[in-house]
Amino acid sequence: MKIRWVIFSMMVLLLTAMATPLAGQYNDHDRQVTKEYIDKHHDSLPAGLKEEERKPENEEHLKAGVVLAPELRREVHPVPPALAHNLSKPPAGCKHVAVSGHVVLVDKKYVVKDVIHPEH
């Protein structure tokens, strides 16, 4: 009986861990609400999310683990409240920002944790 309880508990823990997104990463819901926001506001996107701000040379800087360069930090804008409200709460010490046409999760030192790349 005791062994069954241990096995059951381990299975519950494993399934819970598999269903929980890793802290500091966007999930499918975040990507979907971002796509919907961009599609809905395509003609009036705020600074940081506009399609014309997407620059191929910035793509290499928008990857997890990379520290945003000072020139890119100057292009960082807050994510619009209507979008931020629908994104998962960022981990402690992190925030959602809009930069170069992307939604980016960064920490206080501007280390990129994850990026939502809009469809081109």
PDB file of N, CA and C in Angstrom:
ATOM      1  N   MET A   1       0.815  -1.188   0.000  1.00  0.00           N
ATOM      2  CA  MET A   1       0.000   0.000   0.000  1.00  0.00           C
ATOM      3  C   MET A   1       0.867   1.263   0.000  1.00  0.00           C
ATOM      4  N   LYS A   2       1.920   1.226   0.804  1.00  0.00           N
ATOM      5  CA  LYS A   2       2.809   2.366   0.902  1.00  0.00           C
ATOM      6  C   LYS A   2       3.518   2.629  -0.428  1.00  0.00           C
ATOM      7  N   ILE A   3       3.903   1.574  -1.104  1.00  0.00           N
ATOM      8  CA  ILE A   3       4.598   1.706  -2.393  1.00  0.00           C
ATOM      9  C   ILE A   3       3.663   2.340  -3.428  1.00  0.00           C
ATOM     10  N   ARG A   4       2.415   1.929  -3.433  1.00  0.00           N
ATOM     11  CA  ARG A   4       1.457   2.530  -4.363  1.00  0.00           C
ATOM     12  C   ARG A   4       1.333   4.026  -4.119  1.00  0.00           C
ATOM     13  N   TRP A   5       1.293   4.433  -2.870  1.00  0.00           N
ATOM     14  CA  TRP A   5       1.182   5.854  -2.530  1.00  0.00           C
ATOM     15  C   TRP A   5       2.409   6.625  -3.024  1.00  0.00           C
ATOM     16  N   VAL A   6       3.585   6.059  -2.854  1.00  0.00           N
ATOM     17  CA  VAL A   6       4.825   6.707  -3.300  1.00  0.00           C
ATOM     18  C   VAL A   6       4.825   6.824  -4.826  1.00  0.00           C
ATOM     19  N   ILE A   7       4.456   5.773  -5.506  1.00  0.00           N
ATOM     20  CA  ILE A   7       4.417   5.799  -6.971  1.00  0.00           C
ATOM     21  C   ILE A   7       3.395   6.822  -7.453  1.00  0.00           C
ATOM     22  N   PHE A   8       2.219   6.823  -6.844  1.00  0.00           N
ATOM     23  CA  PHE A   8       1.189   7.793  -7.208  1.00  0.00           C
ATOM     24  C   PHE A   8       1.690   9.226  -6.999  1.00  0.00           C
ATOM     25  N   SER A   9       2.306   9.484  -5.864  1.00  0.00           N
ATOM     26  CA  SER A   9       2.827  10.830  -5.563  1.00  0.00           C
ATOM     27  C   SER A   9       3.883  11.260  -6.568  1.00  0.00           C
ATOM     28  N   MET A  10       4.750  10.339  -6.934  1.00  0.00           N
ATOM     29  CA  MET A  10       5.797  10.660  -7.907  1.00  0.00           C
ATOM     30  C   MET A  10       5.194  10.956  -9.278  1.00  0.00           C
ATOM     31  N   MET A  11       4.168  10.220  -9.664  1.00  0.00           N
ATOM     32  CA  MET A  11       3.517  10.465 -10.953  1.00  0.00           C
ATOM     33  C   MET A  11       2.832  11.833 -10.963  1.00  0.00           C
ATOM     34  N   VAL A  12       2.187  12.201  -9.875  1.00  0.00           N
ATOM     35  CA  VAL A  12       1.538  13.510  -9.785  1.00  0.00           C
ATOM     36  C   VAL A  12       2.581  14.614  -9.898  1.00  0.00           C
ATOM     37  N   LEU A  13       3.687  14.481  -9.193  1.00  0.00           N
ATOM     38  CA  LEU A  13       4.757  15.479  -9.274  1.00  0.00           C
ATOM     39  C   LEU A  13       5.316  15.594 -10.687  1.00  0.00           C
ATOM     40  N   LEU A  14       5.526  14.474 -11.329  1.00  0.00           N
ATOM     41  CA  LEU A  14       6.056  14.475 -12.691  1.00  0.00           C
ATOM     42  C   LEU A  14       5.093  15.141 -13.658  1.00  0.00           C
ATOM     43  N   LEU A  15       3.821  14.801 -13.573  1.00  0.00           N
ATOM     44  CA  LEU A  15       2.827  15.409 -14.463  1.00  0.00           C
ATOM     45  C   LEU A  15       2.685  16.900 -14.205  1.00  0.00           C
ATOM     46  N   THR A  16       2.743  17.317 -12.964  1.00  0.00           N
ATOM     47  CA  THR A  16       2.669  18.738 -12.626  1.00  0.00           C
ATOM     48  C   THR A  16       3.864  19.479 -13.206  1.00  0.00           C
ATOM     49  N   ALA A  17       5.031  18.914 -13.067  1.00  0.00           N
ATOM     50  CA  ALA A  17       6.241  19.551 -13.599  1.00  0.00           C
ATOM     51  C   ALA A  17       6.185  19.677 -15.108  1.00  0.00           C
ATOM     52  N   MET A  18       5.635  18.673 -15.781  1.00  0.00           N
ATOM     53  CA  MET A  18       5.555  18.714 -17.239  1.00  0.00           C
ATOM     54  C   MET A  18       4.549  19.750 -17.720  1.00  0.00           C
ATOM     55  N   ALA A  19       3.526  20.028 -16.936  1.00  0.00           N
ATOM     56  CA  ALA A  19       2.471  20.950 -17.349  1.00  0.00           C
ATOM     57  C   ALA A  19       2.790  22.386 -17.002  1.00  0.00           C
ATOM     58  N   THR A  20       3.776  22.618 -16.152  1.00  0.00           N
ATOM     59  CA  THR A  20       4.112  23.969 -15.703  1.00  0.00           C
ATOM     60  C   THR A  20       5.221  24.533 -16.583  1.00  0.00           C
ATOM     61  N   PRO A  21       4.989  25.736 -17.193  1.00  0.00           N
ATOM     62  CA  PRO A  21       6.063  26.318 -17.990  1.00  0.00           C
ATOM     63  C   PRO A  21       7.241  26.704 -17.099  1.00  0.00           C
ATOM     64  N   LEU A  22       8.413  26.652 -17.641  1.00  0.00           N
ATOM     65  CA  LEU A  22       9.590  27.042 -16.885  1.00  0.00           C
ATOM     66  C   LEU A  22       9.555  28.529 -16.601  1.00  0.00           C
ATOM     67  N   ALA A  23       9.972  28.900 -15.416  1.00  0.00           N
ATOM     68  CA  ALA A  23      10.012  30.315 -15.059  1.00  0.00           C
ATOM     69  C   ALA A  23      10.957  31.022 -16.025  1.00  0.00           C
ATOM     70  N   GLY A  24      10.506  32.154 -16.517  1.00  0.00           N
ATOM     71  CA  GLY A  24      11.354  32.913 -17.425  1.00  0.00           C
ATOM     72  C   GLY A  24      11.209  32.513 -18.868  1.00  0.00           C
ATOM     73  N   GLN A  25      10.148  31.782 -19.188  1.00  0.00           N
ATOM     74  CA  GLN A  25       9.907  31.417 -20.579  1.00  0.00           C
ATOM     75  C   GLN A  25       8.459  31.696 -20.940  1.00  0.00           C
ATOM     76  N   TYR A  26       8.259  32.133 -22.176  1.00  0.00           N
ATOM     77  CA  TYR A  26       6.906  32.333 -22.668  1.00  0.00           C
ATOM     78  C   TYR A  26       6.290  30.983 -22.991  1.00  0.00           C
ATOM     79  N   ASN A  27       4.971  30.903 -22.852  1.00  0.00           N
ATOM     80  CA  ASN A  27       4.270  29.666 -23.180  1.00  0.00           C
ATOM     81  C   ASN A  27       3.401  29.894 -24.419  1.00  0.00           C
ATOM     82  N   ASP A  28       2.703  28.863 -24.839  1.00  0.00           N
ATOM     83  CA  ASP A  28       1.875  28.965 -26.038  1.00  0.00           C
ATOM     84  C   ASP A  28       0.785  30.024 -25.900  1.00  0.00           C
ATOM     85  N   HIS A  29       0.225  30.147 -24.701  1.00  0.00           N
ATOM     86  CA  HIS A  29      -0.796  31.174 -24.466  1.00  0.00           C
ATOM     87  C   HIS A  29      -0.218  32.574 -24.708  1.00  0.00           C
ATOM     88  N   ASP A  30       0.984  32.839 -24.175  1.00  0.00           N
ATOM     89  CA  ASP A  30       1.634  34.142 -24.365  1.00  0.00           C
ATOM     90  C   ASP A  30       1.856  34.432 -25.841  1.00  0.00           C
ATOM     91  N   ARG A  31       2.296  33.437 -26.568  1.00  0.00           N
ATOM     92  CA  ARG A  31       2.545  33.619 -28.005  1.00  0.00           C
ATOM     93  C   ARG A  31       1.236  33.873 -28.754  1.00  0.00           C
ATOM     94  N   GLN A  32       0.180  33.176 -28.356  1.00  0.00           N
ATOM     95  CA  GLN A  32      -1.119  33.350 -29.019  1.00  0.00           C
ATOM     96  C   GLN A  32      -1.699  34.732 -28.748  1.00  0.00           C
ATOM     97  N   VAL A  33      -1.678  35.198 -27.494  1.00  0.00           N
ATOM     98  CA  VAL A  33      -2.263  36.511 -27.201  1.00  0.00           C
ATOM     99  C   VAL A  33      -1.447  37.633 -27.840  1.00  0.00           C
ATOM    100  N   THR A  34      -0.138  37.425 -27.969  1.00  0.00           N
ATOM    101  CA  THR A  34       0.695  38.417 -28.647  1.00  0.00           C
ATOM    102  C   THR A  34       0.341  38.484 -30.125  1.00  0.00           C
ATOM    103  N   LYS A  35       0.195  37.322 -30.750  1.00  0.00           N
ATOM    104  CA  LYS A  35      -0.187  37.287 -32.169  1.00  0.00           C
ATOM    105  C   LYS A  35      -1.537  37.964 -32.368  1.00  0.00           C
ATOM    106  N   GLU A  36      -2.498  37.648 -31.511  1.00  0.00           N
ATOM    107  CA  GLU A  36      -3.827  38.251 -31.630  1.00  0.00           C
ATOM    108  C   GLU A  36      -3.772  39.764 -31.442  1.00  0.00           C
ATOM    109  N   TYR A  37      -2.972  40.231 -30.486  1.00  0.00           N
ATOM    110  CA  TYR A  37      -2.844  41.676 -30.249  1.00  0.00           C
ATOM    111  C   TYR A  37      -2.246  42.356 -31.477  1.00  0.00           C
ATOM    112  N   ILE A  38      -1.183  41.789 -32.019  1.00  0.00           N
ATOM    113  CA  ILE A  38      -0.521  42.381 -33.190  1.00  0.00           C
ATOM    114  C   ILE A  38      -1.465  42.372 -34.392  1.00  0.00           C
ATOM    115  N   ASP A  39      -2.185  41.279 -34.593  1.00  0.00           N
ATOM    116  CA  ASP A  39      -3.141  41.214 -35.704  1.00  0.00           C
ATOM    117  C   ASP A  39      -4.248  42.256 -35.549  1.00  0.00           C
ATOM    118  N   LYS A  40      -4.763  42.395 -34.337  1.00  0.00           N
ATOM    119  CA  LYS A  40      -5.871  43.313 -34.086  1.00  0.00           C
ATOM    120  C   LYS A  40      -5.452  44.781 -34.203  1.00  0.00           C
ATOM    121  N   HIS A  41      -4.224  45.102 -33.786  1.00  0.00           N
ATOM    122  CA  HIS A  41      -3.760  46.492 -33.770  1.00  0.00           C
ATOM    123  C   HIS A  41      -2.715  46.771 -34.838  1.00  0.00           C
ATOM    124  N   HIS A  42      -2.686  45.952 -35.885  1.00  0.00           N
ATOM    125  CA  HIS A  42      -1.633  46.041 -36.898  1.00  0.00           C
ATOM    126  C   HIS A  42      -1.404  47.453 -37.418  1.00  0.00           C
ATOM    127  N   ASP A  43      -2.469  48.205 -37.632  1.00  0.00           N
ATOM    128  CA  ASP A  43      -2.334  49.549 -38.208  1.00  0.00           C
ATOM    129  C   ASP A  43      -1.995  50.620 -37.177  1.00  0.00           C
ATOM    130  N   SER A  44      -2.024  50.272 -35.903  1.00  0.00           N
ATOM    131  CA  SER A  44      -1.763  51.288 -34.876  1.00  0.00           C
ATOM    132  C   SER A  44      -0.908  50.718 -33.738  1.00  0.00           C
ATOM    133  N   LEU A  45       0.057  49.897 -34.077  1.00  0.00           N
ATOM    134  CA  LEU A  45       0.919  49.320 -33.048  1.00  0.00           C
ATOM    135  C   LEU A  45       1.779  50.392 -32.388  1.00  0.00           C
ATOM    136  N   PRO A  46       2.016  50.268 -31.082  1.00  0.00           N
ATOM    137  CA  PRO A  46       2.850  51.242 -30.385  1.00  0.00           C
ATOM    138  C   PRO A  46       4.333  51.021 -30.672  1.00  0.00           C
ATOM    139  N   ALA A  47       5.127  51.992 -30.266  1.00  0.00           N
ATOM    140  CA  ALA A  47       6.578  51.903 -30.441  1.00  0.00           C
ATOM    141  C   ALA A  47       7.087  50.613 -29.808  1.00  0.00           C
ATOM    142  N   GLY A  48       8.020  49.996 -30.491  1.00  0.00           N
ATOM    143  CA  GLY A  48       8.603  48.749 -30.037  1.00  0.00           C
ATOM    144  C   GLY A  48       7.992  47.529 -30.707  1.00  0.00           C
ATOM    145  N   LEU A  49       6.747  47.656 -31.172  1.00  0.00           N
ATOM    146  CA  LEU A  49       6.074  46.524 -31.811  1.00  0.00           C
ATOM    147  C   LEU A  49       5.822  46.728 -33.299  1.00  0.00           C
ATOM    148  N   LYS A  50       6.119  47.907 -33.803  1.00  0.00           N
ATOM    149  CA  LYS A  50       5.830  48.193 -35.209  1.00  0.00           C
ATOM    150  C   LYS A  50       6.689  47.334 -36.138  1.00  0.00           C
ATOM    151  N   GLU A  51       6.049  46.893 -37.205  1.00  0.00           N
ATOM    152  CA  GLU A  51       6.733  46.023 -38.166  1.00  0.00           C
ATOM    153  C   GLU A  51       7.974  46.698 -38.760  1.00  0.00           C
ATOM    154  N   GLU A  52       7.891  47.994 -39.015  1.00  0.00           N
ATOM    155  CA  GLU A  52       9.039  48.687 -39.623  1.00  0.00           C
ATOM    156  C   GLU A  52      10.232  48.808 -38.673  1.00  0.00           C
ATOM    157  N   GLU A  53      10.041  48.504 -37.400  1.00  0.00           N
ATOM    158  CA  GLU A  53      11.147  48.538 -36.433  1.00  0.00           C
ATOM    159  C   GLU A  53      11.953  47.240 -36.431  1.00  0.00           C
ATOM    160  N   ARG A  54      11.420  46.209 -37.085  1.00  0.00           N
ATOM    161  CA  ARG A  54      12.121  44.923 -37.137  1.00  0.00           C
ATOM    162  C   ARG A  54      13.329  45.041 -38.049  1.00  0.00           C
ATOM    163  N   LYS A  55      14.485  44.787 -37.482  1.00  0.00           N
ATOM    164  CA  LYS A  55      15.719  44.880 -38.255  1.00  0.00           C
ATOM    165  C   LYS A  55      16.434  43.541 -38.192  1.00  0.00           C
ATOM    166  N   PRO A  56      16.787  42.984 -39.352  1.00  0.00           N
ATOM    167  CA  PRO A  56      17.461  41.679 -39.361  1.00  0.00           C
ATOM    168  C   PRO A  56      18.720  41.652 -38.488  1.00  0.00           C
ATOM    169  N   GLU A  57      19.431  42.761 -38.419  1.00  0.00           N
ATOM    170  CA  GLU A  57      20.670  42.779 -37.623  1.00  0.00           C
ATOM    171  C   GLU A  57      20.404  42.670 -36.120  1.00  0.00           C
ATOM    172  N   ASN A  58      19.164  42.921 -35.688  1.00  0.00           N
ATOM    173  CA  ASN A  58      18.836  42.807 -34.265  1.00  0.00           C
ATOM    174  C   ASN A  58      18.471  41.388 -33.859  1.00  0.00           C
ATOM    175  N   GLU A  59      18.149  40.546 -34.821  1.00  0.00           N
ATOM    176  CA  GLU A  59      17.713  39.178 -34.516  1.00  0.00           C
ATOM    177  C   GLU A  59      18.741  38.413 -33.680  1.00  0.00           C
ATOM    178  N   GLU A  60      20.025  38.590 -33.983  1.00  0.00           N
ATOM    179  CA  GLU A  60      21.050  37.851 -33.249  1.00  0.00           C
ATOM    180  C   GLU A  60      21.141  38.287 -31.788  1.00  0.00           C
ATOM    181  N   HIS A  61      20.647  39.490 -31.478  1.00  0.00           N
ATOM    182  CA  HIS A  61      20.669  39.990 -30.107  1.00  0.00           C
ATOM    183  C   HIS A  61      19.417  39.611 -29.332  1.00  0.00           C
ATOM    184  N   LEU A  62      18.413  39.122 -30.036  1.00  0.00           N
ATOM    185  CA  LEU A  62      17.149  38.781 -29.406  1.00  0.00           C
ATOM    186  C   LEU A  62      17.033  37.267 -29.235  1.00  0.00           C
ATOM    187  N   LYS A  63      17.917  36.742 -28.405  1.00  0.00           N
ATOM    188  CA  LYS A  63      17.955  35.306 -28.120  1.00  0.00           C
ATOM    189  C   LYS A  63      18.158  35.129 -26.619  1.00  0.00           C
ATOM    190  N   ALA A  64      17.597  34.076 -26.076  1.00  0.00           N
ATOM    191  CA  ALA A  64      17.745  33.800 -24.646  1.00  0.00           C
ATOM    192  C   ALA A  64      19.216  33.720 -24.260  1.00  0.00           C
ATOM    193  N   GLY A  65      19.546  34.380 -23.149  1.00  0.00           N
ATOM    194  CA  GLY A  65      20.909  34.370 -22.638  1.00  0.00           C
ATOM    195  C   GLY A  65      21.770  35.530 -23.091  1.00  0.00           C
ATOM    196  N   VAL A  66      21.303  36.280 -24.090  1.00  0.00           N
ATOM    197  CA  VAL A  66      22.070  37.408 -24.614  1.00  0.00           C
ATOM    198  C   VAL A  66      21.717  38.665 -23.823  1.00  0.00           C
ATOM    199  N   VAL A  67      22.729  39.476 -23.519  1.00  0.00           N
ATOM    200  CA  VAL A  67      22.494  40.755 -22.863  1.00  0.00           C
ATOM    201  C   VAL A  67      22.212  41.781 -23.956  1.00  0.00           C
ATOM    202  N   LEU A  68      21.100  42.521 -23.817  1.00  0.00           N
ATOM    203  CA  LEU A  68      20.776  43.532 -24.828  1.00  0.00           C
ATOM    204  C   LEU A  68      21.873  44.591 -24.884  1.00  0.00           C
ATOM    205  N   ALA A  69      22.342  44.875 -26.069  1.00  0.00           N
ATOM    206  CA  ALA A  69      23.369  45.892 -26.276  1.00  0.00           C
ATOM    207  C   ALA A  69      22.799  47.271 -25.932  1.00  0.00           C
ATOM    208  N   PRO A  70      23.653  48.206 -25.523  1.00  0.00           N
ATOM    209  CA  PRO A  70      23.177  49.554 -25.164  1.00  0.00           C
ATOM    210  C   PRO A  70      22.332  50.212 -26.253  1.00  0.00           C
ATOM    211  N   GLU A  71      22.692  50.017 -27.524  1.00  0.00           N
ATOM    212  CA  GLU A  71      21.910  50.646 -28.597  1.00  0.00           C
ATOM    213  C   GLU A  71      20.501  50.043 -28.687  1.00  0.00           C
ATOM    214  N   LEU A  72      20.353  48.769 -28.364  1.00  0.00           N
ATOM    215  CA  LEU A  72      19.027  48.153 -28.351  1.00  0.00           C
ATOM    216  C   LEU A  72      18.245  48.564 -27.103  1.00  0.00           C
ATOM    217  N   ARG A  73      18.937  48.781 -26.004  1.00  0.00           N
ATOM    218  CA  ARG A  73      18.255  49.219 -24.775  1.00  0.00           C
ATOM    219  C   ARG A  73      17.551  50.561 -24.992  1.00  0.00           C
ATOM    220  N   ARG A  74      18.111  51.382 -25.847  1.00  0.00           N
ATOM    221  CA  ARG A  74      17.487  52.687 -26.139  1.00  0.00           C
ATOM    222  C   ARG A  74      16.190  52.527 -26.925  1.00  0.00           C
ATOM    223  N   GLU A  75      16.000  51.356 -27.534  1.00  0.00           N
ATOM    224  CA  GLU A  75      14.790  51.085 -28.314  1.00  0.00           C
ATOM    225  C   GLU A  75      13.743  50.292 -27.519  1.00  0.00           C
ATOM    226  N   VAL A  76      14.009  50.044 -26.243  1.00  0.00           N
ATOM    227  CA  VAL A  76      13.094  49.279 -25.400  1.00  0.00           C
ATOM    228  C   VAL A  76      11.914  50.148 -24.996  1.00  0.00           C
ATOM    229  N   HIS A  77      10.713  49.590 -25.125  1.00  0.00           N
ATOM    230  CA  HIS A  77       9.474  50.273 -24.748  1.00  0.00           C
ATOM    231  C   HIS A  77       8.646  49.330 -23.891  1.00  0.00           C
ATOM    232  N   PRO A  78       7.788  49.897 -23.043  1.00  0.00           N
ATOM    233  CA  PRO A  78       6.909  49.009 -22.275  1.00  0.00           C
ATOM    234  C   PRO A  78       5.937  48.287 -23.199  1.00  0.00           C
ATOM    235  N   VAL A  79       5.588  47.081 -22.832  1.00  0.00           N
ATOM    236  CA  VAL A  79       4.544  46.354 -23.558  1.00  0.00           C
ATOM    237  C   VAL A  79       3.227  47.054 -23.261  1.00  0.00           C
ATOM    238  N   PRO A  80       2.368  47.265 -24.261  1.00  0.00           N
ATOM    239  CA  PRO A  80       1.088  47.935 -24.018  1.00  0.00           C
ATOM    240  C   PRO A  80       0.304  47.235 -22.897  1.00  0.00           C
ATOM    241  N   PRO A  81      -0.324  48.016 -22.021  1.00  0.00           N
ATOM    242  CA  PRO A  81      -1.068  47.413 -20.898  1.00  0.00           C
ATOM    243  C   PRO A  81      -2.089  46.366 -21.333  1.00  0.00           C
ATOM    244  N   ALA A  82      -2.778  46.591 -22.442  1.00  0.00           N
ATOM    245  CA  ALA A  82      -3.786  45.630 -22.914  1.00  0.00           C
ATOM    246  C   ALA A  82      -3.156  44.282 -23.245  1.00  0.00           C
ATOM    247  N   LEU A  83      -1.905  44.285 -23.702  1.00  0.00           N
ATOM    248  CA  LEU A  83      -1.203  43.033 -23.981  1.00  0.00           C
ATOM    249  C   LEU A  83      -0.594  42.476 -22.701  1.00  0.00           C
ATOM    250  N   ALA A  84       0.055  43.325 -21.926  1.00  0.00           N
ATOM    251  CA  ALA A  84       0.713  42.882 -20.690  1.00  0.00           C
ATOM    252  C   ALA A  84      -0.273  42.191 -19.754  1.00  0.00           C
ATOM    253  N   HIS A  85      -1.496  42.690 -19.731  1.00  0.00           N
ATOM    254  CA  HIS A  85      -2.535  42.127 -18.863  1.00  0.00           C
ATOM    255  C   HIS A  85      -2.833  40.668 -19.212  1.00  0.00           C
ATOM    256  N   ASN A  86      -2.647  40.299 -20.466  1.00  0.00           N
ATOM    257  CA  ASN A  86      -2.963  38.944 -20.923  1.00  0.00           C
ATOM    258  C   ASN A  86      -1.750  38.008 -20.959  1.00  0.00           C
ATOM    259  N   LEU A  87      -0.557  38.542 -20.738  1.00  0.00           N
ATOM    260  CA  LEU A  87       0.639  37.705 -20.696  1.00  0.00           C
ATOM    261  C   LEU A  87       0.789  37.099 -19.302  1.00  0.00           C
ATOM    262  N   SER A  88       1.495  35.978 -19.230  1.00  0.00           N
ATOM    263  CA  SER A  88       1.798  35.380 -17.935  1.00  0.00           C
ATOM    264  C   SER A  88       2.599  36.365 -17.104  1.00  0.00           C
ATOM    265  N   LYS A  89       2.386  36.330 -15.806  1.00  0.00           N
ATOM    266  CA  LYS A  89       3.130  37.215 -14.915  1.00  0.00           C
ATOM    267  C   LYS A  89       4.619  36.906 -15.041  1.00  0.00           C
ATOM    268  N   PRO A  90       5.441  37.941 -15.238  1.00  0.00           N
ATOM    269  CA  PRO A  90       6.877  37.672 -15.362  1.00  0.00           C
ATOM    270  C   PRO A  90       7.460  37.234 -14.014  1.00  0.00           C
ATOM    271  N   PRO A  91       8.519  36.451 -14.046  1.00  0.00           N
ATOM    272  CA  PRO A  91       9.166  36.052 -12.796  1.00  0.00           C
ATOM    273  C   PRO A  91       9.704  37.279 -12.054  1.00  0.00           C
ATOM    274  N   ALA A  92       9.933  37.135 -10.779  1.00  0.00           N
ATOM    275  CA  ALA A  92      10.493  38.228  -9.976  1.00  0.00           C
ATOM    276  C   ALA A  92      11.782  38.723 -10.622  1.00  0.00           C
ATOM    277  N   GLY A  93      11.908  40.043 -10.711  1.00  0.00           N
ATOM    278  CA  GLY A  93      13.113  40.642 -11.286  1.00  0.00           C
ATOM    279  C   GLY A  93      13.111  40.720 -12.800  1.00  0.00           C
ATOM    280  N   CYS A  94      12.024  40.330 -13.433  1.00  0.00           N
ATOM    281  CA  CYS A  94      11.925  40.373 -14.892  1.00  0.00           C
ATOM    282  C   CYS A  94      10.742  41.238 -15.316  1.00  0.00           C
ATOM    283  N   LYS A  95      10.754  41.634 -16.594  1.00  0.00           N
ATOM    284  CA  LYS A  95       9.637  42.406 -17.139  1.00  0.00           C
ATOM    285  C   LYS A  95       9.490  42.110 -18.616  1.00  0.00           C
ATOM    286  N   HIS A  96       8.265  42.356 -19.114  1.00  0.00           N
ATOM    287  CA  HIS A  96       7.988  42.244 -20.538  1.00  0.00           C
ATOM    288  C   HIS A  96       8.296  43.597 -21.173  1.00  0.00           C
ATOM    289  N   VAL A  97       9.008  43.589 -22.303  1.00  0.00           N
ATOM    290  CA  VAL A  97       9.278  44.822 -23.033  1.00  0.00           C
ATOM    291  C   VAL A  97       9.033  44.580 -24.525  1.00  0.00           C
ATOM    292  N   ALA A  98       8.852  45.678 -25.241  1.00  0.00           N
ATOM    293  CA  ALA A  98       8.717  45.625 -26.698  1.00  0.00           C
ATOM    294  C   ALA A  98       9.979  46.251 -27.285  1.00  0.00           C
ATOM    295  N   VAL A  99      10.612  45.523 -28.175  1.00  0.00           N
ATOM    296  CA  VAL A  99      11.826  46.042 -28.803  1.00  0.00           C
ATOM    297  C   VAL A  99      11.979  45.422 -30.186  1.00  0.00           C
ATOM    298  N   SER A 100      12.255  46.255 -31.149  1.00  0.00           N
ATOM    299  CA  SER A 100      12.528  45.814 -32.515  1.00  0.00           C
ATOM    300  C   SER A 100      11.417  44.915 -33.069  1.00  0.00           C
ATOM    301  N   GLY A 101      10.160  45.240 -32.706  1.00  0.00           N
ATOM    302  CA  GLY A 101       9.030  44.486 -33.226  1.00  0.00           C
ATOM    303  C   GLY A 101       8.777  43.164 -32.530  1.00  0.00           C
ATOM    304  N   HIS A 102       9.380  42.936 -31.385  1.00  0.00           N
ATOM    305  CA  HIS A 102       9.257  41.688 -30.638  1.00  0.00           C
ATOM    306  C   HIS A 102       8.799  41.968 -29.212  1.00  0.00           C
ATOM    307  N   VAL A 103       8.239  40.956 -28.580  1.00  0.00           N
ATOM    308  CA  VAL A 103       7.967  41.006 -27.144  1.00  0.00           C
ATOM    309  C   VAL A 103       9.076  40.194 -26.490  1.00  0.00           C
ATOM    310  N   VAL A 104       9.748  40.813 -25.521  1.00  0.00           N
ATOM    311  CA  VAL A 104      10.939  40.211 -24.939  1.00  0.00           C
ATOM    312  C   VAL A 104      10.817  40.201 -23.414  1.00  0.00           C
ATOM    313  N   LEU A 105      11.194  39.105 -22.817  1.00  0.00           N
ATOM    314  CA  LEU A 105      11.256  38.990 -21.366  1.00  0.00           C
ATOM    315  C   LEU A 105      12.705  39.213 -20.971  1.00  0.00           C
ATOM    316  N   VAL A 106      12.954  40.265 -20.185  1.00  0.00           N
ATOM    317  CA  VAL A 106      14.319  40.590 -19.759  1.00  0.00           C
ATOM    318  C   VAL A 106      14.367  40.708 -18.245  1.00  0.00           C
ATOM    319  N   ASP A 107      15.577  40.523 -17.700  1.00  0.00           N
ATOM    320  CA  ASP A 107      15.750  40.740 -16.273  1.00  0.00           C
ATOM    321  C   ASP A 107      16.279  42.154 -16.037  1.00  0.00           C
ATOM    322  N   LYS A 108      16.609  42.466 -14.798  1.00  0.00           N
ATOM    323  CA  LYS A 108      17.042  43.823 -14.443  1.00  0.00           C
ATOM    324  C   LYS A 108      18.350  44.234 -15.127  1.00  0.00           C
ATOM    325  N   LYS A 109      19.139  43.247 -15.521  1.00  0.00           N
ATOM    326  CA  LYS A 109      20.414  43.530 -16.192  1.00  0.00           C
ATOM    327  C   LYS A 109      20.288  43.444 -17.703  1.00  0.00           C
ATOM    328  N   TYR A 110      19.057  43.375 -18.189  1.00  0.00           N
ATOM    329  CA  TYR A 110      18.746  43.282 -19.620  1.00  0.00           C
ATOM    330  C   TYR A 110      19.247  41.993 -20.258  1.00  0.00           C
ATOM    331  N   VAL A 111      19.310  40.926 -19.471  1.00  0.00           N
ATOM    332  CA  VAL A 111      19.593  39.607 -20.031  1.00  0.00           C
ATOM    333  C   VAL A 111      18.269  39.079 -20.574  1.00  0.00           C
ATOM    334  N   VAL A 112      18.282  38.680 -21.841  1.00  0.00           N
ATOM    335  CA  VAL A 112      17.076  38.154 -22.481  1.00  0.00           C
ATOM    336  C   VAL A 112      16.785  36.769 -21.924  1.00  0.00           C
ATOM    337  N   LYS A 113      15.554  36.594 -21.440  1.00  0.00           N
ATOM    338  CA  LYS A 113      15.117  35.293 -20.929  1.00  0.00           C
ATOM    339  C   LYS A 113      14.351  34.524 -21.999  1.00  0.00           C
ATOM    340  N   ASP A 114      13.536  35.244 -22.788  1.00  0.00           N
ATOM    341  CA  ASP A 114      12.788  34.613 -23.879  1.00  0.00           C
ATOM    342  C   ASP A 114      12.277  35.710 -24.804  1.00  0.00           C
ATOM    343  N   VAL A 115      11.923  35.320 -26.021  1.00  0.00           N
ATOM    344  CA  VAL A 115      11.471  36.266 -27.045  1.00  0.00           C
ATOM    345  C   VAL A 115      10.270  35.684 -27.780  1.00  0.00           C
ATOM    346  N   ILE A 116       9.293  36.548 -28.039  1.00  0.00           N
ATOM    347  CA  ILE A 116       8.202  36.172 -28.933  1.00  0.00           C
ATOM    348  C   ILE A 116       8.482  36.864 -30.259  1.00  0.00           C
ATOM    349  N   HIS A 117       8.840  36.060 -31.246  1.00  0.00           N
ATOM    350  CA  HIS A 117       9.119  36.572 -32.584  1.00  0.00           C
ATOM    351  C   HIS A 117       7.807  36.612 -33.364  1.00  0.00           C
ATOM    352  N   PRO A 118       7.368  37.794 -33.783  1.00  0.00           N
ATOM    353  CA  PRO A 118       6.127  37.837 -34.577  1.00  0.00           C
ATOM    354  C   PRO A 118       6.340  37.179 -35.926  1.00  0.00           C
ATOM    355  N   GLU A 119       5.237  36.689 -36.468  1.00  0.00           N
ATOM    356  CA  GLU A 119       5.321  36.088 -37.803  1.00  0.00           C
ATOM    357  C   GLU A 119       5.617  37.177 -38.815  1.00  0.00           C
ATOM    358  N   HIS A 120       6.532  36.883 -39.687  1.00  0.00           N
ATOM    359  CA  HIS A 120       6.917  37.899 -40.702  1.00  0.00           C
ATOM    360  C   HIS A 120       6.063  37.766 -41.931  1.00  0.00           C
TER     361      HIS A 120
END
